């Protein structure tokens, strides 16, 4: 396993979404990646993730809905990973998930979101396109050493029938090394 992810999919007032979250485990770095292990949450996680804006097109299928994802404001969907030695993130403040040192960027190359009446399921392929050297707990790290590609599987609550600005859906999942 390359990483574990806990996060939210947040719909903006423009109808587009963003993914925010944190990683409690990263291969080659460690697990329990929090400043305070007695209070594990977005507020104490060392590593956070934030995507750019994501638009989606619905493909209805009975009680299931499938969504093709596309970038809303950029040429590609990207997820940026940040290290913050003194985190203080808040689900209500998207910008707090892009504070700290940028340590890596992955690009969504293909994937689809499936929403059922009770849950959502998302599988995709992510490619590491940018990685910066950083030091964490005395160890020099660069994500390139872990490989360039991962399979991503995320699950969460179902989407509400009406998506409006401020809608937030809880997510959780894992990234698995591809071709390693």
C-alpha atoms as a PDB file:
ATOM      1  CA  UNK A   1       0.000   0.000   0.000  1.00  0.00           C
ATOM      2  CA  UNK A   2       1.298   3.452  -0.890  1.00  0.00           C
ATOM      3  CA  UNK A   3      -0.957   5.554   1.353  1.00  0.00           C
ATOM      4  CA  UNK A   4      -4.236   5.845   3.204  1.00  0.00           C
ATOM      5  CA  UNK A   5      -6.542   8.819   2.718  1.00  0.00           C
ATOM      6  CA  UNK A   6      -9.287  10.434   4.817  1.00  0.00           C
ATOM      7  CA  UNK A   7     -11.105  13.402   3.380  1.00  0.00           C
ATOM      8  CA  UNK A   8     -14.099  15.208   1.990  1.00  0.00           C
ATOM      9  CA  UNK A   9     -15.534  16.023  -1.403  1.00  0.00           C
ATOM     10  CA  UNK A  10     -16.841  19.590  -1.126  1.00  0.00           C
ATOM     11  CA  UNK A  11     -19.219  21.142  -3.665  1.00  0.00           C
ATOM     12  CA  UNK A  12     -18.722  24.868  -4.251  1.00  0.00           C
ATOM     13  CA  UNK A  13     -21.395  27.434  -5.086  1.00  0.00           C
ATOM     14  CA  UNK A  14     -20.361  27.107  -8.756  1.00  0.00           C
ATOM     15  CA  UNK A  15     -21.417  23.417  -8.782  1.00  0.00           C
ATOM     16  CA  UNK A  16     -17.849  22.149  -9.070  1.00  0.00           C
ATOM     17  CA  UNK A  17     -16.135  20.112  -6.391  1.00  0.00           C
ATOM     18  CA  UNK A  18     -12.803  19.891  -4.601  1.00  0.00           C
ATOM     19  CA  UNK A  19     -11.213  17.047  -2.691  1.00  0.00           C
ATOM     20  CA  UNK A  20      -9.499  17.873   0.600  1.00  0.00           C
ATOM     21  CA  UNK A  21      -8.049  15.523   3.161  1.00  0.00           C
ATOM     22  CA  UNK A  22      -5.084  14.050   4.953  1.00  0.00           C
ATOM     23  CA  UNK A  23      -2.939  10.924   4.932  1.00  0.00           C
ATOM     24  CA  UNK A  24      -2.416   9.017   8.201  1.00  0.00           C
ATOM     25  CA  UNK A  25      -0.064   6.529   6.459  1.00  0.00           C
ATOM     26  CA  UNK A  26       2.522   6.989   3.686  1.00  0.00           C
ATOM     27  CA  UNK A  27       4.800   4.212   2.469  1.00  0.00           C
ATOM     28  CA  UNK A  28       8.426   4.945   3.257  1.00  0.00           C
ATOM     29  CA  UNK A  29       7.466   7.642   5.757  1.00  0.00           C
ATOM     30  CA  UNK A  30       5.412   5.900   8.415  1.00  0.00           C
ATOM     31  CA  UNK A  31       2.002   5.477   9.967  1.00  0.00           C
ATOM     32  CA  UNK A  32       0.194   7.438  12.625  1.00  0.00           C
ATOM     33  CA  UNK A  33       1.373  10.655  10.945  1.00  0.00           C
ATOM     34  CA  UNK A  34      -0.085  13.136  13.438  1.00  0.00           C
ATOM     35  CA  UNK A  35       1.414  15.790  15.684  1.00  0.00           C
ATOM     36  CA  UNK A  36      -0.775  14.505  18.525  1.00  0.00           C
ATOM     37  CA  UNK A  37      -1.633  10.792  18.434  1.00  0.00           C
ATOM     38  CA  UNK A  38      -4.186  11.251  21.215  1.00  0.00           C
ATOM     39  CA  UNK A  39      -6.162  13.614  18.945  1.00  0.00           C
ATOM     40  CA  UNK A  40      -5.990  12.226  15.396  1.00  0.00           C
ATOM     41  CA  UNK A  41      -7.853  14.416  12.908  1.00  0.00           C
ATOM     42  CA  UNK A  42      -7.404  16.836  10.041  1.00  0.00           C
ATOM     43  CA  UNK A  43      -6.198  19.382  12.604  1.00  0.00           C
ATOM     44  CA  UNK A  44      -3.169  17.291  13.640  1.00  0.00           C
ATOM     45  CA  UNK A  45      -2.204  15.434  10.425  1.00  0.00           C
ATOM     46  CA  UNK A  46       1.240  16.241   9.036  1.00  0.00           C
ATOM     47  CA  UNK A  47       0.303  15.529   5.379  1.00  0.00           C
ATOM     48  CA  UNK A  48      -2.681  17.057   3.618  1.00  0.00           C
ATOM     49  CA  UNK A  49      -4.147  16.846   0.107  1.00  0.00           C
ATOM     50  CA  UNK A  50      -6.096  19.351  -1.957  1.00  0.00           C
ATOM     51  CA  UNK A  51      -7.317  19.034  -5.529  1.00  0.00           C
ATOM     52  CA  UNK A  52      -8.019  21.712  -8.044  1.00  0.00           C
ATOM     53  CA  UNK A  53     -11.671  22.232  -9.089  1.00  0.00           C
ATOM     54  CA  UNK A  54     -13.425  19.164 -10.505  1.00  0.00           C
ATOM     55  CA  UNK A  55     -16.478  19.128 -12.787  1.00  0.00           C
ATOM     56  CA  UNK A  56     -18.468  15.978 -13.429  1.00  0.00           C
ATOM     57  CA  UNK A  57     -20.840  14.632 -16.101  1.00  0.00           C
ATOM     58  CA  UNK A  58     -23.581  12.228 -15.045  1.00  0.00           C
ATOM     59  CA  UNK A  59     -24.278   8.890 -16.755  1.00  0.00           C
ATOM     60  CA  UNK A  60     -27.533   7.592 -15.171  1.00  0.00           C
ATOM     61  CA  UNK A  61     -27.969   3.837 -14.750  1.00  0.00           C
ATOM     62  CA  UNK A  62     -31.137   2.983 -12.816  1.00  0.00           C
ATOM     63  CA  UNK A  63     -30.528   3.704  -9.132  1.00  0.00           C
ATOM     64  CA  UNK A  64     -26.810   4.110  -9.845  1.00  0.00           C
ATOM     65  CA  UNK A  65     -25.215   7.232 -11.242  1.00  0.00           C
ATOM     66  CA  UNK A  66     -21.787   7.194 -12.821  1.00  0.00           C
ATOM     67  CA  UNK A  67     -19.769  10.369 -13.185  1.00  0.00           C
ATOM     68  CA  UNK A  68     -16.957  11.129 -15.583  1.00  0.00           C
ATOM     69  CA  UNK A  69     -14.668  13.651 -13.962  1.00  0.00           C
ATOM     70  CA  UNK A  70     -12.984  16.528 -15.771  1.00  0.00           C
ATOM     71  CA  UNK A  71     -11.013  19.579 -14.671  1.00  0.00           C
ATOM     72  CA  UNK A  72     -13.197  22.643 -14.128  1.00  0.00           C
ATOM     73  CA  UNK A  73     -10.547  25.374 -14.103  1.00  0.00           C
ATOM     74  CA  UNK A  74      -7.305  23.777 -15.312  1.00  0.00           C
ATOM     75  CA  UNK A  75      -6.144  21.481 -18.092  1.00  0.00           C
ATOM     76  CA  UNK A  76      -5.923  18.434 -15.768  1.00  0.00           C
ATOM     77  CA  UNK A  77      -7.209  17.231 -12.411  1.00  0.00           C
ATOM     78  CA  UNK A  78      -4.358  17.381  -9.933  1.00  0.00           C
ATOM     79  CA  UNK A  79      -3.986  16.592  -6.251  1.00  0.00           C
ATOM     80  CA  UNK A  80      -1.297  18.463  -4.328  1.00  0.00           C
ATOM     81  CA  UNK A  81       0.299  16.994  -1.199  1.00  0.00           C
ATOM     82  CA  UNK A  82       1.549  19.304   1.556  1.00  0.00           C
ATOM     83  CA  UNK A  83       3.681  18.757   4.648  1.00  0.00           C
ATOM     84  CA  UNK A  84       2.931  21.031   7.577  1.00  0.00           C
ATOM     85  CA  UNK A  85       4.945  20.479  10.767  1.00  0.00           C
ATOM     86  CA  UNK A  86       2.448  22.659  12.695  1.00  0.00           C
ATOM     87  CA  UNK A  87      -0.903  21.795  11.130  1.00  0.00           C
ATOM     88  CA  UNK A  88      -4.213  23.414  12.053  1.00  0.00           C
ATOM     89  CA  UNK A  89      -6.556  22.373   9.259  1.00  0.00           C
ATOM     90  CA  UNK A  90     -10.311  22.694   9.355  1.00  0.00           C
ATOM     91  CA  UNK A  91     -12.914  20.982   7.132  1.00  0.00           C
ATOM     92  CA  UNK A  92     -14.674  24.349   6.853  1.00  0.00           C
ATOM     93  CA  UNK A  93     -11.574  26.091   5.468  1.00  0.00           C
ATOM     94  CA  UNK A  94     -10.452  24.521   2.179  1.00  0.00           C
ATOM     95  CA  UNK A  95      -7.361  26.768   2.016  1.00  0.00           C
ATOM     96  CA  UNK A  96      -6.053  25.239   5.256  1.00  0.00           C
ATOM     97  CA  UNK A  97      -5.431  21.986   3.327  1.00  0.00           C
ATOM     98  CA  UNK A  98      -2.937  23.720   1.033  1.00  0.00           C
ATOM     99  CA  UNK A  99      -0.831  25.233   3.795  1.00  0.00           C
ATOM    100  CA  UNK A 100       2.716  24.072   4.366  1.00  0.00           C
ATOM    101  CA  UNK A 101       5.446  22.797   2.063  1.00  0.00           C
ATOM    102  CA  UNK A 102       4.349  21.379  -1.306  1.00  0.00           C
ATOM    103  CA  UNK A 103       5.997  17.944  -1.469  1.00  0.00           C
ATOM    104  CA  UNK A 104       4.252  16.306  -4.422  1.00  0.00           C
ATOM    105  CA  UNK A 105       1.611  16.518  -7.129  1.00  0.00           C
ATOM    106  CA  UNK A 106      -0.297  13.636  -8.692  1.00  0.00           C
ATOM    107  CA  UNK A 107      -2.437  13.847 -11.824  1.00  0.00           C
ATOM    108  CA  UNK A 108      -5.647  11.933 -12.356  1.00  0.00           C
ATOM    109  CA  UNK A 109      -5.205  10.153 -15.678  1.00  0.00           C
ATOM    110  CA  UNK A 110      -8.415   8.107 -15.724  1.00  0.00           C
ATOM    111  CA  UNK A 111     -11.178   7.125 -13.370  1.00  0.00           C
ATOM    112  CA  UNK A 112     -14.908   7.126 -12.715  1.00  0.00           C
ATOM    113  CA  UNK A 113     -17.126   7.837  -9.728  1.00  0.00           C
ATOM    114  CA  UNK A 114     -20.105   5.532  -9.101  1.00  0.00           C
ATOM    115  CA  UNK A 115     -22.852   6.642  -6.716  1.00  0.00           C
ATOM    116  CA  UNK A 116     -25.466   4.233  -5.354  1.00  0.00           C
ATOM    117  CA  UNK A 117     -28.396   5.046  -3.072  1.00  0.00           C
ATOM    118  CA  UNK A 118     -26.202   4.232  -0.040  1.00  0.00           C
ATOM    119  CA  UNK A 119     -22.575   4.938  -0.981  1.00  0.00           C
ATOM    120  CA  UNK A 120     -20.075   6.178  -3.514  1.00  0.00           C
ATOM    121  CA  UNK A 121     -17.116   4.322  -4.943  1.00  0.00           C
ATOM    122  CA  UNK A 122     -14.260   5.862  -6.868  1.00  0.00           C
ATOM    123  CA  UNK A 123     -11.404   4.088  -8.593  1.00  0.00           C
ATOM    124  CA  UNK A 124      -8.724   5.853 -10.583  1.00  0.00           C
ATOM    125  CA  UNK A 125      -5.144   5.830 -11.742  1.00  0.00           C
ATOM    126  CA  UNK A 126      -2.870   8.589 -10.421  1.00  0.00           C
ATOM    127  CA  UNK A 127       0.505   9.565 -11.830  1.00  0.00           C
ATOM    128  CA  UNK A 128       3.175  11.403  -9.839  1.00  0.00           C
ATOM    129  CA  UNK A 129       4.097  14.441 -11.941  1.00  0.00           C
ATOM    130  CA  UNK A 130       5.994  16.571  -9.438  1.00  0.00           C
ATOM    131  CA  UNK A 131       8.001  15.694  -6.360  1.00  0.00           C
ATOM    132  CA  UNK A 132      10.157  17.856  -4.107  1.00  0.00           C
ATOM    133  CA  UNK A 133      12.858  16.787  -1.672  1.00  0.00           C
ATOM    134  CA  UNK A 134      11.814  17.271   1.948  1.00  0.00           C
ATOM    135  CA  UNK A 135      12.921  16.266   5.411  1.00  0.00           C
ATOM    136  CA  UNK A 136      10.499  14.667   7.844  1.00  0.00           C
ATOM    137  CA  UNK A 137      11.506  13.598  11.338  1.00  0.00           C
ATOM    138  CA  UNK A 138      15.196  13.718  10.354  1.00  0.00           C
ATOM    139  CA  UNK A 139      14.741  11.634   7.199  1.00  0.00           C
ATOM    140  CA  UNK A 140      15.352  12.968   3.639  1.00  0.00           C
ATOM    141  CA  UNK A 141      12.446  11.950   1.406  1.00  0.00           C
ATOM    142  CA  UNK A 142      11.316  12.290  -2.203  1.00  0.00           C
ATOM    143  CA  UNK A 143       8.136  10.569  -3.408  1.00  0.00           C
ATOM    144  CA  UNK A 144       9.866   9.595  -6.684  1.00  0.00           C
ATOM    145  CA  UNK A 145      11.636   6.827  -4.727  1.00  0.00           C
ATOM    146  CA  UNK A 146       8.206   5.260  -4.105  1.00  0.00           C
ATOM    147  CA  UNK A 147       7.253   5.000  -7.784  1.00  0.00           C
ATOM    148  CA  UNK A 148       5.406   7.112 -10.312  1.00  0.00           C
ATOM    149  CA  UNK A 149       1.959   5.536 -10.385  1.00  0.00           C
ATOM    150  CA  UNK A 150      -0.720   4.425  -7.946  1.00  0.00           C
ATOM    151  CA  UNK A 151      -4.189   2.970  -8.140  1.00  0.00           C
ATOM    152  CA  UNK A 152      -6.620   4.936  -6.009  1.00  0.00           C
ATOM    153  CA  UNK A 153      -9.756   3.460  -4.432  1.00  0.00           C
ATOM    154  CA  UNK A 154     -11.955   5.789  -2.390  1.00  0.00           C
ATOM    155  CA  UNK A 155     -15.332   5.128  -0.806  1.00  0.00           C
ATOM    156  CA  UNK A 156     -17.773   7.436   0.910  1.00  0.00           C
ATOM    157  CA  UNK A 157     -21.300   8.452   1.759  1.00  0.00           C
ATOM    158  CA  UNK A 158     -23.743   8.749  -1.106  1.00  0.00           C
ATOM    159  CA  UNK A 159     -24.207  12.139  -2.705  1.00  0.00           C
ATOM    160  CA  UNK A 160     -27.378  14.010  -1.721  1.00  0.00           C
ATOM    161  CA  UNK A 161     -30.138  14.222  -4.341  1.00  0.00           C
ATOM    162  CA  UNK A 162     -29.492  17.939  -4.766  1.00  0.00           C
ATOM    163  CA  UNK A 163     -25.922  19.198  -4.868  1.00  0.00           C
ATOM    164  CA  UNK A 164     -25.531  22.755  -3.692  1.00  0.00           C
ATOM    165  CA  UNK A 165     -22.742  24.997  -2.510  1.00  0.00           C
ATOM    166  CA  UNK A 166     -21.378  23.789   0.796  1.00  0.00           C
ATOM    167  CA  UNK A 167     -22.379  20.135   0.325  1.00  0.00           C
ATOM    168  CA  UNK A 168     -19.651  17.978   1.867  1.00  0.00           C
ATOM    169  CA  UNK A 169     -19.316  14.198   1.551  1.00  0.00           C
ATOM    170  CA  UNK A 170     -16.998  12.156   3.800  1.00  0.00           C
ATOM    171  CA  UNK A 171     -14.425   9.981   1.981  1.00  0.00           C
ATOM    172  CA  UNK A 172     -11.831   7.385   2.871  1.00  0.00           C
ATOM    173  CA  UNK A 173      -9.588   5.077   0.907  1.00  0.00           C
ATOM    174  CA  UNK A 174      -6.186   3.884  -0.118  1.00  0.00           C
ATOM    175  CA  UNK A 175      -3.581   4.256  -2.792  1.00  0.00           C
ATOM    176  CA  UNK A 176      -1.820   1.122  -3.998  1.00  0.00           C
ATOM    177  CA  UNK A 177       1.480   0.981  -5.911  1.00  0.00           C
ATOM    178  CA  UNK A 178       0.978   0.214  -9.590  1.00  0.00           C
ATOM    179  CA  UNK A 179       3.604  -1.814 -11.395  1.00  0.00           C
ATOM    180  CA  UNK A 180       5.902  -2.152  -8.430  1.00  0.00           C
END
